[in-house]
Amino acid sequence: MAATRDRRTWNDVQLREAVAGNRSWRAVARSLGLKATSAGVIRTLKRHADRLGLDATHFTGQRRWSDGQLRAVVLGSSCWADVLAGLGVIDNGENRVRVKGHAVRLGLDYTHLKKLDRSATPAEVFDEPTRPESLRYAASAVAMAWFSLRGCAVALPVEPQEYDLLVTTAKGVQRVQVKSCASRNGHGRWNVGIGRRPYALDKSAGKMPYDPDSLDLFFVLLGDGSIYIIPSSVVAGRVAIDAETYSPYRVGDASSLMR
């Protein structure tokens, strides 16, 4: 009678086999010759599966893990990082929200999971070492932060210019060239290159000084974190300087970033 009322083209045995042999409700529908995109069909299949007490915890749908796996991993984990690792999922904000949302839909108790492992040391949270060779790429970001923290608006030039930054100060807009030096030379000095190569020549060409009328300031970041801001007029005509001889222009210390 139930089959007549529901006008089913499949029976309970076929449904048992379809649920056991597939990993999603749409796949079950297709295996029974039904329209897999119909919400009504899926609801009917779920209703009969519930009536028969069928286990669908192995279903993953578009996921790589099943409800059963999630239950087991949540039960055996102490934090969300462990849960995502146990499921073989990349630990990021989006995936945490998806997994947590699925746990909520399944009614899983995850109150034992710690939001943050406060016993972890900084090295356990992030242990990537400082790379001196990356200083040249980080210097502009440090310069932008340094000026911004002092209330100065910072802009990047739209087209290549002899300056790296435009900084609005109380004295007006300053054209800033950013330079860095990752390590001391063989004599133990911070020898900073402040020259440039002519744009028309290749990188093997010798460096030449910047035109002092094209720049206002040099922002210099050393490998020990020392920060210098030197007026271009002070170093006009030079292609390299010994930074420590310009100690009056040392304005800060970012050494904590270098540790």
Protein backbone atom coordinates (compact mmCIF):
# COMPACT_ATOMS: atom_id res chain seq x y z
CA MET A 1 0.00 0.00 0.00
CA ALA A 2 2.82 2.34 0.81
CA ALA A 3 4.32 1.76 -2.61
CA THR A 4 0.94 2.53 -4.27
CA ARG A 5 0.42 5.68 -2.17
CA ASP A 6 3.90 7.01 -2.95
CA ARG A 7 3.74 5.71 -6.53
CA ARG A 8 7.28 4.43 -6.08
CA THR A 9 9.17 2.77 -8.91
CA TRP A 10 11.59 1.19 -6.43
CA ASN A 11 11.22 -0.91 -3.31
CA ASP A 12 12.79 -0.96 0.14
CA VAL A 13 15.42 -3.52 -0.84
CA GLN A 14 16.57 -1.36 -3.73
CA LEU A 15 16.71 1.68 -1.45
CA ARG A 16 18.84 -0.22 1.08
CA GLU A 17 21.29 -1.22 -1.64
CA ALA A 18 21.38 2.30 -3.12
CA VAL A 19 22.08 3.95 0.25
CA ALA A 20 24.78 1.42 1.09
CA GLY A 21 26.47 1.73 -2.30
CA ASN A 22 26.49 5.51 -2.78
CA ARG A 23 27.91 8.57 -1.03
CA SER A 24 25.20 11.19 -1.53
CA TRP A 25 21.41 11.43 -1.76
CA ARG A 26 21.65 12.62 -5.35
CA ALA A 27 23.68 9.54 -6.23
CA VAL A 28 21.04 7.38 -4.53
CA ALA A 29 18.34 9.07 -6.61
CA ARG A 30 20.26 8.50 -9.84
CA SER A 31 20.86 4.84 -9.04
CA LEU A 32 17.11 4.40 -8.60
CA GLY A 33 16.38 6.13 -11.90
CA LEU A 34 14.98 9.24 -10.24
CA LYS A 35 15.54 12.94 -10.87
CA ALA A 36 18.55 13.76 -8.69
CA THR A 37 18.00 17.54 -8.76
CA SER A 38 14.47 17.32 -7.35
CA ALA A 39 14.18 18.41 -3.72
CA GLY A 40 10.91 16.49 -3.44
CA VAL A 41 12.60 13.26 -4.57
CA ILE A 42 15.41 13.71 -2.04
CA ARG A 43 12.89 14.38 0.76
CA THR A 44 11.00 11.22 -0.14
CA LEU A 45 14.17 9.12 -0.15
CA LYS A 46 15.24 10.52 3.23
CA ARG A 47 11.78 9.85 4.71
CA HIS A 48 11.85 6.22 3.65
CA ALA A 49 15.47 5.82 4.73
CA ASP A 50 14.46 7.10 8.18
CA ARG A 51 11.54 4.68 8.23
CA LEU A 52 13.89 1.81 7.47
CA GLY A 53 16.55 3.05 9.88
CA LEU A 54 19.20 3.19 7.14
CA ASP A 55 22.67 4.50 8.01
CA ALA A 56 23.78 7.37 5.75
CA THR A 57 26.71 8.60 7.85
CA HIS A 58 29.10 7.53 5.09
CA PHE A 59 27.61 10.14 2.75
CA THR A 60 30.03 12.93 1.81
CA GLY A 61 28.19 14.76 -0.99
CA GLN A 62 30.71 17.29 -2.35
CA ARG A 63 32.93 16.74 0.70
CA ARG A 64 35.87 14.37 1.06
CA TRP A 65 34.73 13.27 4.52
CA SER A 66 31.55 11.72 5.84
CA ASP A 67 29.30 12.50 8.78
CA GLY A 68 30.65 9.44 10.53
CA GLN A 69 34.23 10.63 10.07
CA LEU A 70 33.34 14.05 11.41
CA ARG A 71 31.70 12.54 14.49
CA ALA A 72 34.75 10.39 15.21
CA VAL A 73 37.26 13.20 14.62
CA VAL A 74 35.38 15.73 16.76
CA LEU A 75 35.12 13.21 19.58
CA GLY A 76 38.86 12.49 19.49
CA SER A 77 40.16 16.05 19.03
CA SER A 78 41.01 18.80 21.49
CA CYS A 79 40.85 21.80 19.13
CA TRP A 80 39.50 22.76 15.72
CA ALA A 81 42.97 22.54 14.18
CA ASP A 82 43.02 18.85 15.11
CA VAL A 83 39.55 18.36 13.60
CA LEU A 84 40.50 19.82 10.23
CA ALA A 85 43.78 17.91 10.21
CA GLY A 86 41.90 14.70 10.99
CA LEU A 87 39.57 15.32 8.05
CA GLY A 88 42.46 16.12 5.71
CA VAL A 89 41.15 19.65 5.18
CA ILE A 90 43.27 22.79 4.87
CA ASP A 91 42.97 24.82 8.09
CA ASN A 92 41.65 28.25 7.14
CA GLY A 93 38.74 30.45 8.19
CA GLU A 94 36.38 29.31 5.44
CA ASN A 95 36.92 25.61 6.07
CA ARG A 96 36.54 26.03 9.84
CA VAL A 97 33.16 27.70 9.33
CA ARG A 98 32.01 24.95 6.94
CA VAL A 99 33.09 22.11 9.21
CA LYS A 100 31.70 23.77 12.33
CA GLY A 101 28.40 24.44 10.56
CA HIS A 102 28.14 20.78 9.57
CA ALA A 103 28.86 19.76 13.15
CA VAL A 104 26.01 22.01 14.29
CA ARG A 105 23.61 20.47 11.73
CA LEU A 106 24.55 17.00 13.00
CA GLY A 107 23.96 18.11 16.58
CA LEU A 108 27.52 17.25 17.62
CA ASP A 109 28.82 18.40 20.99
CA TYR A 110 32.09 20.28 20.40
CA THR A 111 32.25 22.24 23.67
CA HIS A 112 35.44 20.35 24.56
CA LEU A 113 37.26 21.85 21.58
CA LYS A 114 39.46 24.76 22.54
CA LYS A 115 39.10 27.91 20.44
CA LEU A 116 42.74 28.74 21.07
CA ASP A 117 45.53 26.74 22.58
CA ARG A 118 46.80 29.33 25.05
CA SER A 119 49.48 26.95 26.27
CA ALA A 120 51.19 27.07 22.88
CA THR A 121 54.42 29.01 22.69
CA PRO A 122 54.91 31.66 19.97
CA ALA A 123 57.25 29.28 18.17
CA GLU A 124 54.49 26.67 18.03
CA VAL A 125 52.02 29.20 16.64
CA PHE A 126 54.35 30.47 13.91
CA ASP A 127 57.93 29.37 13.54
CA GLU A 128 59.01 30.59 10.11
CA PRO A 129 62.50 32.13 10.45
CA THR A 130 63.42 35.61 9.28
CA ARG A 131 64.93 35.56 5.82
CA PRO A 132 67.55 38.32 5.38
CA GLU A 133 67.28 38.08 1.61
CA SER A 134 63.63 39.18 1.89
CA LEU A 135 64.50 42.49 3.56
CA ARG A 136 64.55 44.32 0.24
CA TYR A 137 60.95 43.26 -0.42
CA ALA A 138 59.76 44.10 3.10
CA ALA A 139 61.45 47.51 3.36
CA SER A 140 58.74 49.44 1.49
CA ALA A 141 56.00 47.93 3.68
CA VAL A 142 57.94 48.89 6.81
CA ALA A 143 58.40 52.42 5.44
CA MET A 144 54.68 52.74 4.69
CA ALA A 145 53.80 51.55 8.19
CA TRP A 146 56.34 53.89 9.80
CA PHE A 147 54.96 56.97 8.06
CA SER A 148 51.31 55.91 8.44
CA LEU A 149 51.71 55.46 12.20
CA ARG A 150 52.79 59.10 12.33
CA GLY A 151 49.65 60.31 10.61
CA CYS A 152 51.23 60.75 7.19
CA ALA A 153 49.24 59.69 4.15
CA VAL A 154 51.28 57.35 1.96
CA ALA A 155 50.76 56.70 -1.75
CA LEU A 156 52.48 54.55 -4.35
CA PRO A 157 53.30 56.09 -7.74
CA VAL A 158 51.03 54.90 -10.54
CA GLU A 159 53.92 54.68 -13.00
CA PRO A 160 57.61 53.86 -12.38
CA GLN A 161 59.37 56.83 -10.84
CA GLU A 162 62.71 57.53 -9.20
CA TYR A 163 60.89 57.55 -5.86
CA ASP A 164 59.09 54.61 -4.24
CA LEU A 165 56.59 56.49 -2.07
CA LEU A 166 54.78 59.80 -1.88
CA VAL A 167 54.34 60.83 1.74
CA THR A 168 52.20 63.76 2.84
CA THR A 169 53.84 65.50 5.81
CA ALA A 170 53.48 68.84 7.58
CA LYS A 171 56.14 70.12 5.17
CA GLY A 172 54.18 68.98 2.15
CA VAL A 173 54.43 65.93 -0.11
CA GLN A 174 57.80 64.19 0.18
CA ARG A 175 59.20 61.89 -2.50
CA VAL A 176 60.78 58.94 -0.70
CA GLN A 177 63.20 56.36 -2.07
CA VAL A 178 63.39 53.17 0.05
CA LYS A 179 66.71 51.36 0.47
CA SER A 180 67.80 48.40 2.58
CA CYS A 181 70.92 46.54 3.62
CA ALA A 182 70.52 42.99 4.95
CA SER A 183 73.98 42.47 6.49
CA ARG A 184 77.27 44.12 7.37
CA ASN A 185 80.15 43.99 4.92
CA GLY A 186 83.50 42.29 5.51
CA HIS A 187 84.66 45.26 7.58
CA GLY A 188 81.63 45.09 9.85
CA ARG A 189 79.99 48.19 8.36
CA TRP A 190 76.50 48.75 7.04
CA ASN A 191 77.33 49.70 3.45
CA VAL A 192 74.04 50.76 1.87
CA GLY A 193 73.70 51.17 -1.87
CA ILE A 194 71.73 54.34 -2.62
CA GLY A 195 72.44 54.59 -6.34
CA ARG A 196 70.41 53.48 -9.31
CA ARG A 197 71.07 51.87 -12.64
CA PRO A 198 70.15 53.83 -15.77
CA TYR A 199 66.81 52.54 -17.02
CA ALA A 200 68.17 52.08 -20.55
CA LEU A 201 70.92 49.69 -19.47
CA ASP A 202 70.89 46.13 -18.16
CA LYS A 203 71.50 45.11 -14.56
CA SER A 204 75.21 44.67 -15.14
CA ALA A 205 75.60 48.43 -15.66
CA GLY A 206 77.25 50.46 -12.95
CA LYS A 207 75.08 52.51 -10.62
CA MET A 208 74.75 56.26 -10.76
CA PRO A 209 73.53 58.76 -8.16
CA TYR A 210 69.93 59.90 -8.01
CA ASP A 211 69.24 63.43 -9.15
CA PRO A 212 68.83 65.29 -5.82
CA ASP A 213 65.99 67.29 -7.38
CA SER A 214 64.01 64.11 -8.08
CA LEU A 215 63.92 62.91 -4.43
CA ASP A 216 63.37 64.43 -1.02
CA LEU A 217 64.17 61.59 1.40
CA PHE A 218 65.86 58.22 1.63
CA PHE A 219 64.21 55.70 3.97
CA VAL A 220 66.90 53.18 4.92
CA LEU A 221 66.21 49.89 6.73
CA LEU A 222 69.14 47.81 8.01
CA GLY A 223 69.27 44.12 8.80
CA ASP A 224 69.46 44.86 12.55
CA GLY A 225 66.21 46.82 12.35
CA SER A 226 67.72 50.31 12.41
CA ILE A 227 65.72 52.91 10.48
CA TYR A 228 67.25 56.02 8.97
CA ILE A 229 65.56 58.90 7.16
CA ILE A 230 68.15 60.92 5.30
CA PRO A 231 67.45 64.01 3.17
CA SER A 232 68.56 63.49 -0.42
CA SER A 233 70.55 66.73 -0.23
CA VAL A 234 72.75 65.22 2.50
CA VAL A 235 73.86 62.28 0.35
CA ALA A 236 73.65 63.96 -3.07
CA GLY A 237 76.06 62.51 -5.61
CA ARG A 238 76.69 59.28 -3.68
CA VAL A 239 75.87 55.73 -4.75
CA ALA A 240 76.67 54.13 -1.38
CA ILE A 241 76.93 55.23 2.24
CA ASP A 242 78.15 53.88 5.57
CA ALA A 243 74.82 54.13 7.42
CA GLU A 244 76.35 54.46 10.87
CA THR A 245 78.12 57.67 9.91
CA TYR A 246 74.65 59.19 9.53
CA SER A 247 73.56 58.47 13.11
CA PRO A 248 71.77 61.86 13.52
CA TYR A 249 69.28 60.59 10.96
CA ARG A 250 68.54 57.32 12.75
CA VAL A 251 64.84 57.61 13.61
CA GLY A 252 63.71 54.17 14.78
CA ASP A 253 64.21 50.51 15.47
CA ALA A 254 62.31 47.63 13.92
CA SER A 255 64.58 44.92 15.31
CA SER A 256 61.64 42.94 16.71
CA LEU A 257 60.64 42.21 13.10
CA MET A 258 64.01 40.66 12.41
CA ARG A 259 63.95 38.07 15.19
